C-alpha atoms as a PDB file:
ATOM      1  CA  MET A   1      41.190  34.501 -10.182  1.00  0.00           C
ATOM      2  CA  ASN A   2      38.396  32.727  -9.965  1.00  0.00           C
ATOM      3  CA  ASN A   3      38.665  28.967 -11.579  1.00  0.00           C
ATOM      4  CA  GLY A   4      35.005  28.374 -11.181  1.00  0.00           C
ATOM      5  CA  SER A   5      35.576  26.314  -7.896  1.00  0.00           C
ATOM      6  CA  ASP A   6      33.263  29.190  -6.342  1.00  0.00           C
ATOM      7  CA  ARG A   7      30.342  28.237  -8.700  1.00  0.00           C
ATOM      8  CA  PRO A   8      27.474  26.346  -6.616  1.00  0.00           C
ATOM      9  CA  ARG A   9      27.669  22.598  -7.170  1.00  0.00           C
ATOM     10  CA  ARG A  10      23.972  21.001  -9.901  1.00  0.00           C
ATOM     11  CA  ARG A  11      21.495  19.459  -8.030  1.00  0.00           C
ATOM     12  CA  GLY A  12      20.142  16.021  -8.972  1.00  0.00           C
ATOM     13  CA  ILE A  13      18.256  13.138  -7.909  1.00  0.00           C
ATOM     14  CA  TYR A  14      19.398   9.762  -8.001  1.00  0.00           C
ATOM     15  CA  LEU A  15      17.763   7.944 -10.847  1.00  0.00           C
ATOM     16  CA  LEU A  16      17.492   4.795 -10.160  1.00  0.00           C
ATOM     17  CA  PRO A  17      14.644   4.587  -7.426  1.00  0.00           C
ATOM     18  CA  ASN A  18      13.174   7.135  -9.174  1.00  0.00           C
ATOM     19  CA  LEU A  19      13.004   4.987 -11.892  1.00  0.00           C
ATOM     20  CA  PHE A  20      10.929   2.520  -9.855  1.00  0.00           C
ATOM     21  CA  THR A  21       8.666   5.726  -8.153  1.00  0.00           C
ATOM     22  CA  THR A  22       7.273   6.790 -12.122  1.00  0.00           C
ATOM     23  CA  ALA A  23       7.079   3.466 -13.055  1.00  0.00           C
ATOM     24  CA  ALA A  24       4.211   2.920  -9.661  1.00  0.00           C
ATOM     25  CA  LEU A  25       3.332   6.765 -10.667  1.00  0.00           C
ATOM     26  CA  PHE A  26       2.851   5.346 -14.021  1.00  0.00           C
ATOM     27  CA  ALA A  27       0.796   2.432 -13.816  1.00  0.00           C
ATOM     28  CA  GLY A  28      -1.519   4.049 -11.346  1.00  0.00           C
ATOM     29  CA  PHE A  29      -2.521   6.263 -13.678  1.00  0.00           C
ATOM     30  CA  PHE A  30      -2.621   3.860 -16.218  1.00  0.00           C
ATOM     31  CA  GLY A  31      -5.720   2.289 -13.948  1.00  0.00           C
ATOM     32  CA  ILE A  32      -7.736   5.268 -13.640  1.00  0.00           C
ATOM     33  CA  ILE A  33      -8.044   5.058 -17.500  1.00  0.00           C
ATOM     34  CA  ALA A  34      -8.229   1.508 -17.810  1.00  0.00           C
ATOM     35  CA  ALA A  35     -11.571   2.238 -15.341  1.00  0.00           C
ATOM     36  CA  MET A  36     -12.743   4.942 -17.843  1.00  0.00           C
ATOM     37  CA  LYS A  37     -12.787   2.394 -20.524  1.00  0.00           C
ATOM     38  CA  GLY A  38     -14.708  -0.185 -18.325  1.00  0.00           C
ATOM     39  CA  GLN A  39     -11.618  -2.478 -18.657  1.00  0.00           C
ATOM     40  CA  PHE A  40     -12.089  -3.280 -14.816  1.00  0.00           C
ATOM     41  CA  GLU A  41      -9.123  -6.379 -15.230  1.00  0.00           C
ATOM     42  CA  ALA A  42      -6.933  -3.795 -16.177  1.00  0.00           C
ATOM     43  CA  ALA A  43      -7.378  -1.776 -13.745  1.00  0.00           C
ATOM     44  CA  SER A  44      -7.176  -3.771 -10.811  1.00  0.00           C
ATOM     45  CA  ILE A  45      -4.179  -5.596 -12.385  1.00  0.00           C
ATOM     46  CA  ALA A  46      -2.172  -1.897 -12.332  1.00  0.00           C
ATOM     47  CA  ILE A  47      -2.690  -1.571  -9.009  1.00  0.00           C
ATOM     48  CA  PHE A  48      -0.894  -4.521  -7.838  1.00  0.00           C
ATOM     49  CA  VAL A  49       1.854  -3.753 -10.393  1.00  0.00           C
ATOM     50  CA  ALA A  50       2.209   0.098  -8.696  1.00  0.00           C
ATOM     51  CA  MET A  51       2.394  -1.958  -5.129  1.00  0.00           C
ATOM     52  CA  ILE A  52       4.861  -3.863  -6.394  1.00  0.00           C
ATOM     53  CA  LEU A  53       6.643  -1.372  -7.896  1.00  0.00           C
ATOM     54  CA  ASP A  54       6.639   0.971  -5.008  1.00  0.00           C
ATOM     55  CA  GLY A  55       7.852  -1.706  -2.886  1.00  0.00           C
ATOM     56  CA  LEU A  56      10.994  -2.151  -5.327  1.00  0.00           C
ATOM     57  CA  ASP A  57      11.996   1.744  -5.329  1.00  0.00           C
ATOM     58  CA  GLY A  58      12.350   2.063  -1.564  1.00  0.00           C
ATOM     59  CA  ARG A  59      14.395  -0.744  -1.258  1.00  0.00           C
ATOM     60  CA  VAL A  60      16.826  -0.247  -3.755  1.00  0.00           C
ATOM     61  CA  ALA A  61      17.418   3.415  -2.739  1.00  0.00           C
ATOM     62  CA  ARG A  62      18.668   2.244   0.801  1.00  0.00           C
ATOM     63  CA  LEU A  63      20.305  -0.990  -0.888  1.00  0.00           C
ATOM     64  CA  THR A  64      22.163   1.315  -2.638  1.00  0.00           C
ATOM     65  CA  ASN A  65      22.357   4.495  -0.448  1.00  0.00           C
ATOM     66  CA  THR A  66      20.270   7.064  -2.627  1.00  0.00           C
ATOM     67  CA  GLN A  67      17.989   7.751  -0.055  1.00  0.00           C
ATOM     68  CA  SER A  68      16.778  11.380  -0.603  1.00  0.00           C
ATOM     69  CA  ASP A  69      14.327  14.124   0.467  1.00  0.00           C
ATOM     70  CA  PHE A  70      12.789  14.223  -2.997  1.00  0.00           C
ATOM     71  CA  GLY A  71      12.599  10.994  -3.332  1.00  0.00           C
ATOM     72  CA  MET A  72      10.267  10.375  -0.369  1.00  0.00           C
ATOM     73  CA  GLN A  73       7.997  13.364  -1.069  1.00  0.00           C
ATOM     74  CA  TYR A  74       8.369  12.320  -5.116  1.00  0.00           C
ATOM     75  CA  ASP A  75       6.934   8.661  -3.806  1.00  0.00           C
ATOM     76  CA  SER A  76       4.323   9.985  -1.167  1.00  0.00           C
ATOM     77  CA  LEU A  77       2.552  12.213  -4.668  1.00  0.00           C
ATOM     78  CA  SER A  78       3.088   8.886  -6.381  1.00  0.00           C
ATOM     79  CA  ASP A  79       1.132   6.864  -3.508  1.00  0.00           C
ATOM     80  CA  MET A  80      -1.774   9.705  -3.485  1.00  0.00           C
ATOM     81  CA  LEU A  81      -1.736   8.799  -7.378  1.00  0.00           C
ATOM     82  CA  SER A  82      -1.658   4.918  -7.052  1.00  0.00           C
ATOM     83  CA  PHE A  83      -2.996   3.939  -3.212  1.00  0.00           C
ATOM     84  CA  GLY A  84      -4.777   6.706  -2.782  1.00  0.00           C
ATOM     85  CA  LEU A  85      -7.629   8.223  -6.303  1.00  0.00           C
ATOM     86  CA  ALA A  86      -7.394   5.326  -8.457  1.00  0.00           C
ATOM     87  CA  PRO A  87      -8.235   2.058  -6.440  1.00  0.00           C
ATOM     88  CA  ALA A  88     -11.191   4.799  -5.310  1.00  0.00           C
ATOM     89  CA  LEU A  89     -11.395   5.851  -8.579  1.00  0.00           C
ATOM     90  CA  ILE A  90     -11.925   2.145  -9.643  1.00  0.00           C
ATOM     91  CA  ILE A  91     -14.313   1.311  -7.545  1.00  0.00           C
ATOM     92  CA  TYR A  92     -16.219   3.760  -7.875  1.00  0.00           C
ATOM     93  CA  GLN A  93     -16.637   3.085 -11.532  1.00  0.00           C
ATOM     94  CA  TRP A  94     -16.860  -0.472 -11.134  1.00  0.00           C
ATOM     95  CA  SER A  95     -19.585  -0.533  -8.375  1.00  0.00           C
ATOM     96  CA  LEU A  96     -20.091   2.566  -5.802  1.00  0.00           C
ATOM     97  CA  THR A  97     -21.653   4.985  -8.693  1.00  0.00           C
ATOM     98  CA  GLY A  98     -24.995   2.792  -8.127  1.00  0.00           C
ATOM     99  CA  LEU A  99     -24.845   4.241  -4.988  1.00  0.00           C
ATOM    100  CA  GLY A 100     -25.631   7.371  -5.473  1.00  0.00           C
ATOM    101  CA  LYS A 101     -24.264  10.070  -3.116  1.00  0.00           C
ATOM    102  CA  MET A 102     -22.895   7.455  -0.850  1.00  0.00           C
ATOM    103  CA  GLY A 103     -21.580   5.955  -3.736  1.00  0.00           C
ATOM    104  CA  TRP A 104     -19.192   8.436  -3.629  1.00  0.00           C
ATOM    105  CA  LEU A 105     -18.656   9.744  -0.440  1.00  0.00           C
ATOM    106  CA  ALA A 106     -17.164   6.709   0.421  1.00  0.00           C
ATOM    107  CA  ALA A 107     -14.607   6.708  -2.269  1.00  0.00           C
ATOM    108  CA  PHE A 108     -14.145  10.457  -1.678  1.00  0.00           C
ATOM    109  CA  LEU A 109     -13.165   9.150   1.905  1.00  0.00           C
ATOM    110  CA  PHE A 110     -11.193   6.348   1.364  1.00  0.00           C
ATOM    111  CA  THR A 111      -9.426   9.028  -0.897  1.00  0.00           C
ATOM    112  CA  ALA A 112      -9.089  11.675   2.204  1.00  0.00           C
ATOM    113  CA  CYS A 113      -7.934   8.802   4.467  1.00  0.00           C
ATOM    114  CA  ALA A 114      -5.251   7.633   1.865  1.00  0.00           C
ATOM    115  CA  ALA A 115      -3.836  11.393   2.178  1.00  0.00           C
ATOM    116  CA  LEU A 116      -3.961  11.339   5.433  1.00  0.00           C
ATOM    117  CA  ARG A 117      -2.429   8.556   5.538  1.00  0.00           C
ATOM    118  CA  LEU A 118       0.312   9.287   3.827  1.00  0.00           C
ATOM    119  CA  ALA A 119       0.836  13.004   5.743  1.00  0.00           C
ATOM    120  CA  ARG A 120       0.847  11.112   8.766  1.00  0.00           C
ATOM    121  CA  PHE A 121       3.221   8.753   7.980  1.00  0.00           C
ATOM    122  CA  ASN A 122       5.587  11.083   6.797  1.00  0.00           C
ATOM    123  CA  ALA A 123       5.183  13.609   9.890  1.00  0.00           C
ATOM    124  CA  GLN A 124       6.611  10.799  11.508  1.00  0.00           C
ATOM    125  CA  VAL A 125       8.955   8.902  10.694  1.00  0.00           C
ATOM    126  CA  GLU A 126      11.753  10.034  11.928  1.00  0.00           C
ATOM    127  CA  VAL A 127      10.162   9.049  15.780  1.00  0.00           C
ATOM    128  CA  ILE A 128       8.300   6.052  15.254  1.00  0.00           C
ATOM    129  CA  ASP A 129       9.119   2.517  15.337  1.00  0.00           C
ATOM    130  CA  LYS A 130      10.421   0.846  11.960  1.00  0.00           C
ATOM    131  CA  ARG A 131       9.257  -2.535  12.205  1.00  0.00           C
ATOM    132  CA  PHE A 132       5.598  -1.300  12.376  1.00  0.00           C
ATOM    133  CA  PHE A 133       3.108   0.634  10.422  1.00  0.00           C
ATOM    134  CA  GLN A 134       0.983   3.319  12.430  1.00  0.00           C
ATOM    135  CA  GLY A 135      -2.324   2.051  10.072  1.00  0.00           C
ATOM    136  CA  LEU A 136      -3.256   0.027   7.261  1.00  0.00           C
ATOM    137  CA  PRO A 137      -0.530   1.196   4.937  1.00  0.00           C
ATOM    138  CA  SER A 138      -1.809   2.675   1.753  1.00  0.00           C
ATOM    139  CA  PRO A 139      -1.225   0.067  -0.872  1.00  0.00           C
ATOM    140  CA  ALA A 140      -2.173  -2.462   1.094  1.00  0.00           C
ATOM    141  CA  ALA A 141      -6.111  -0.573   0.889  1.00  0.00           C
ATOM    142  CA  ALA A 142      -5.806   0.005  -1.960  1.00  0.00           C
ATOM    143  CA  GLY A 143      -5.201  -3.867  -3.070  1.00  0.00           C
ATOM    144  CA  LEU A 144      -8.175  -5.028  -1.202  1.00  0.00           C
ATOM    145  CA  VAL A 145     -10.028  -2.622  -2.934  1.00  0.00           C
ATOM    146  CA  ALA A 146      -9.273  -3.011  -6.514  1.00  0.00           C
ATOM    147  CA  GLY A 147      -8.619  -7.051  -5.526  1.00  0.00           C
ATOM    148  CA  LEU A 148     -12.410  -7.347  -5.001  1.00  0.00           C
ATOM    149  CA  VAL A 149     -12.570  -5.579  -8.101  1.00  0.00           C
ATOM    150  CA  TRP A 150     -10.135  -8.536  -9.560  1.00  0.00           C
ATOM    151  CA  VAL A 151     -12.153 -11.362  -7.988  1.00  0.00           C
ATOM    152  CA  GLY A 152     -15.599  -9.812  -8.809  1.00  0.00           C
ATOM    153  CA  PHE A 153     -14.618  -9.708 -12.612  1.00  0.00           C
ATOM    154  CA  ASP A 154     -12.467 -12.735 -12.506  1.00  0.00           C
ATOM    155  CA  ASN A 155     -15.465 -15.010 -11.113  1.00  0.00           C
ATOM    156  CA  GLY A 156     -18.176 -13.312 -13.449  1.00  0.00           C
ATOM    157  CA  PHE A 157     -20.184 -10.983 -10.477  1.00  0.00           C
ATOM    158  CA  THR A 158     -20.897  -7.589 -11.669  1.00  0.00           C
ATOM    159  CA  GLY A 159     -20.421  -4.712  -9.330  1.00  0.00           C
ATOM    160  CA  GLU A 160     -24.245  -3.713  -8.971  1.00  0.00           C
ATOM    161  CA  ALA A 161     -24.308  -7.021  -7.611  1.00  0.00           C
ATOM    162  CA  LEU A 162     -21.528  -6.358  -5.308  1.00  0.00           C
ATOM    163  CA  ARG A 163     -22.414  -3.054  -4.261  1.00  0.00           C
ATOM    164  CA  ILE A 164     -22.611  -3.489  -0.463  1.00  0.00           C
ATOM    165  CA  PRO A 165     -19.236  -5.368  -0.301  1.00  0.00           C
ATOM    166  CA  ALA A 166     -17.558  -3.046  -2.230  1.00  0.00           C
ATOM    167  CA  PHE A 167     -18.975  -0.024   0.322  1.00  0.00           C
ATOM    168  CA  VAL A 168     -18.253  -1.554   3.265  1.00  0.00           C
ATOM    169  CA  LEU A 169     -14.442  -2.713   2.228  1.00  0.00           C
ATOM    170  CA  THR A 170     -13.991   0.869   0.761  1.00  0.00           C
ATOM    171  CA  VAL A 171     -15.643   2.620   4.121  1.00  0.00           C
ATOM    172  CA  LEU A 172     -12.970  -0.080   6.611  1.00  0.00           C
ATOM    173  CA  THR A 173     -10.180   0.109   4.615  1.00  0.00           C
ATOM    174  CA  GLY A 174      -9.775   3.954   4.705  1.00  0.00           C
ATOM    175  CA  ILE A 175     -11.000   3.702   9.029  1.00  0.00           C
ATOM    176  CA  LEU A 176      -7.711   1.402   9.454  1.00  0.00           C
ATOM    177  CA  MET A 177      -5.462   3.557   7.273  1.00  0.00           C
ATOM    178  CA  VAL A 178      -5.840   6.963   9.779  1.00  0.00           C
ATOM    179  CA  SER A 179      -6.499   4.339  13.134  1.00  0.00           C
ATOM    180  CA  ASN A 180      -3.397   3.239  15.213  1.00  0.00           C
ATOM    181  CA  VAL A 181      -3.451   0.073  14.674  1.00  0.00           C
ATOM    182  CA  ARG A 182      -0.355  -1.432  14.283  1.00  0.00           C
ATOM    183  CA  TYR A 183       1.356  -3.803  11.016  1.00  0.00           C
ATOM    184  CA  HIS A 184       4.492  -4.695  10.313  1.00  0.00           C
ATOM    185  CA  SER A 185       6.049  -3.035   7.929  1.00  0.00           C
ATOM    186  CA  PHE A 186       8.468  -6.555   7.229  1.00  0.00           C
ATOM    187  CA  LYS A 187      11.546  -3.494   6.930  1.00  0.00           C
ATOM    188  CA  ASP A 188      13.689  -5.630   9.128  1.00  0.00           C
ATOM    189  CA  LEU A 189      14.557  -8.223   5.848  1.00  0.00           C
ATOM    190  CA  ASP A 190      17.606  -8.675   5.765  1.00  0.00           C
ATOM    191  CA  LEU A 191      18.572  -8.940   1.444  1.00  0.00           C
ATOM    192  CA  LYS A 192      22.046  -8.034   2.109  1.00  0.00           C
ATOM    193  CA  HIS A 193      23.191 -11.584   3.922  1.00  0.00           C
ATOM    194  CA  LYS A 194      23.045 -15.107   3.077  1.00  0.00           C
ATOM    195  CA  VAL A 195      19.603 -17.518   3.750  1.00  0.00           C
ATOM    196  CA  PRO A 196      18.841 -20.758   4.473  1.00  0.00           C
ATOM    197  CA  PHE A 197      18.716 -23.018   0.857  1.00  0.00           C
ATOM    198  CA  MET A 198      14.988 -24.092   2.512  1.00  0.00           C
ATOM    199  CA  ALA A 199      14.200 -19.995   2.222  1.00  0.00           C
ATOM    200  CA  GLY A 200      14.959 -19.932  -1.644  1.00  0.00           C
ATOM    201  CA  LEU A 201      11.746 -23.329  -1.447  1.00  0.00           C
ATOM    202  CA  ALA A 202       9.675 -21.266   0.673  1.00  0.00           C
ATOM    203  CA  ILE A 203       9.634 -17.722  -1.908  1.00  0.00           C
ATOM    204  CA  VAL A 204       9.214 -20.177  -5.276  1.00  0.00           C
ATOM    205  CA  MET A 205       6.439 -22.238  -2.990  1.00  0.00           C
ATOM    206  CA  VAL A 206       4.827 -18.864  -2.087  1.00  0.00           C
ATOM    207  CA  PHE A 207       5.301 -17.696  -6.585  1.00  0.00           C
ATOM    208  CA  VAL A 208       3.466 -20.897  -6.976  1.00  0.00           C
ATOM    209  CA  PHE A 209       0.581 -20.660  -4.879  1.00  0.00           C
ATOM    210  CA  ILE A 210      -0.107 -17.245  -6.238  1.00  0.00           C
ATOM    211  CA  ALA A 211       0.224 -18.715  -9.476  1.00  0.00           C
ATOM    212  CA  VAL A 212      -2.681 -20.945  -8.871  1.00  0.00           C
ATOM    213  CA  ASP A 213      -5.342 -18.104  -8.501  1.00  0.00           C
ATOM    214  CA  PRO A 214      -3.714 -14.666  -8.908  1.00  0.00           C
ATOM    215  CA  PRO A 215      -7.054 -12.491  -7.926  1.00  0.00           C
ATOM    216  CA  GLN A 216      -8.158 -14.289  -5.158  1.00  0.00           C
ATOM    217  CA  VAL A 217      -5.002 -15.572  -3.290  1.00  0.00           C
ATOM    218  CA  LEU A 218      -3.984 -12.076  -3.443  1.00  0.00           C
ATOM    219  CA  PHE A 219      -7.205 -11.199  -1.914  1.00  0.00           C
ATOM    220  CA  PHE A 220      -7.141 -13.584   0.197  1.00  0.00           C
ATOM    221  CA  LEU A 221      -3.138 -12.989   1.804  1.00  0.00           C
ATOM    222  CA  LEU A 222      -3.901  -9.250   1.750  1.00  0.00           C
ATOM    223  CA  LEU A 223      -7.035  -9.879   3.521  1.00  0.00           C
ATOM    224  CA  LEU A 224      -5.164 -11.468   5.850  1.00  0.00           C
ATOM    225  CA  TYR A 225      -3.104  -9.054   6.886  1.00  0.00           C
ATOM    226  CA  ALA A 226      -5.899  -5.989   7.043  1.00  0.00           C
ATOM    227  CA  LEU A 227      -6.883  -8.599   9.974  1.00  0.00           C
ATOM    228  CA  SER A 228      -3.478  -9.226  11.549  1.00  0.00           C
ATOM    229  CA  GLY A 229      -3.655  -5.259  12.325  1.00  0.00           C
ATOM    230  CA  PRO A 230      -6.353  -5.079  14.755  1.00  0.00           C
ATOM    231  CA  VAL A 231      -4.995  -8.734  16.471  1.00  0.00           C
ATOM    232  CA  LEU A 232      -1.508  -7.719  16.827  1.00  0.00           C
ATOM    233  CA  THR A 233      -2.275  -4.643  18.168  1.00  0.00           C
ATOM    234  CA  LEU A 234      -4.977  -6.169  20.904  1.00  0.00           C
ATOM    235  CA  PHE A 235      -2.420  -8.580  21.874  1.00  0.00           C
ATOM    236  CA  HIS A 236       0.539  -5.701  22.724  1.00  0.00           C
ATOM    237  CA  ARG A 237      -2.240  -4.186  25.060  1.00  0.00           C
ATOM    238  CA  GLN A 238      -2.824  -6.868  26.844  1.00  0.00           C
ATOM    239  CA  ARG A 239       1.012  -7.910  26.652  1.00  0.00           C
ATOM    240  CA  LEU A 240       1.368  -4.077  28.185  1.00  0.00           C
ATOM    241  CA  LYS A 241      -1.388  -4.339  30.790  1.00  0.00           C
ATOM    242  CA  ALA A 242      -0.267  -7.223  32.170  1.00  0.00           C
ATOM    243  CA  SER A 243       3.491  -5.657  32.333  1.00  0.00           C
ATOM    244  CA  SER A 244       1.443  -2.611  33.798  1.00  0.00           C
ATOM    245  CA  ASP A 245      -0.357  -5.227  35.947  1.00  0.00           C
ATOM    246  CA  GLY A 246       3.001  -6.909  37.586  1.00  0.00           C
ATOM    247  CA  THR A 247       4.919  -3.704  37.970  1.00  0.00           C
ATOM    248  CA  GLU A 248       2.474  -2.823  41.068  1.00  0.00           C
ATOM    249  CA  GLU A 249       1.684  -6.091  42.404  1.00  0.00           C
ATOM    250  CA  ASP A 250       5.882  -5.545  43.034  1.00  0.00           C
END
């Protein structure tokens, strides 16, 4: 007699990490709406909120052992909107629209590079070194673009006054996303175990430092991170070259 044990098990999704992903998606969509209304400060802040939420969903999934293929794919689609489409539209509406065809082509380049960056990451997720990203991560690229808008707005600059810097930054961050430049992923940070007391104090000081002037401090930190990639890659290649030369001499 069939007691129902042969029924296929119902499939579901893990709620907790996907809640963070949905919230990040909402923040990115809100950024687009705010930019369409000319509320560029709110639009820029929305991208940074999406960055925080995007960083939390993966860590929550790993800490609670709720990783899934669905979550990974959903996260990529959310990233495409929040860190590909949204920042491109925000900076286009704020500044690049005055450049005509070159402006929307730069915005499209950024969006396309974000899509390529995410697709490459998904294809290589099982084989790459987890400690490093290949190419500038899309959240960091989005933060740089949105950060420029936020800094400009906060200091009273119009998008028209910063068209050239906006164009250059949009194009360069797009190219860095699809480059082979190495960036630290910080995924090797241990959040499960105890840390020294001074580490807690350092975290407090970071928050205080950011609170002094959020737009400029965040933009400066992201700019340093973007510049760290080429430096790290150059150092890595020099070390490999030195090791190879030493092997040949032996």
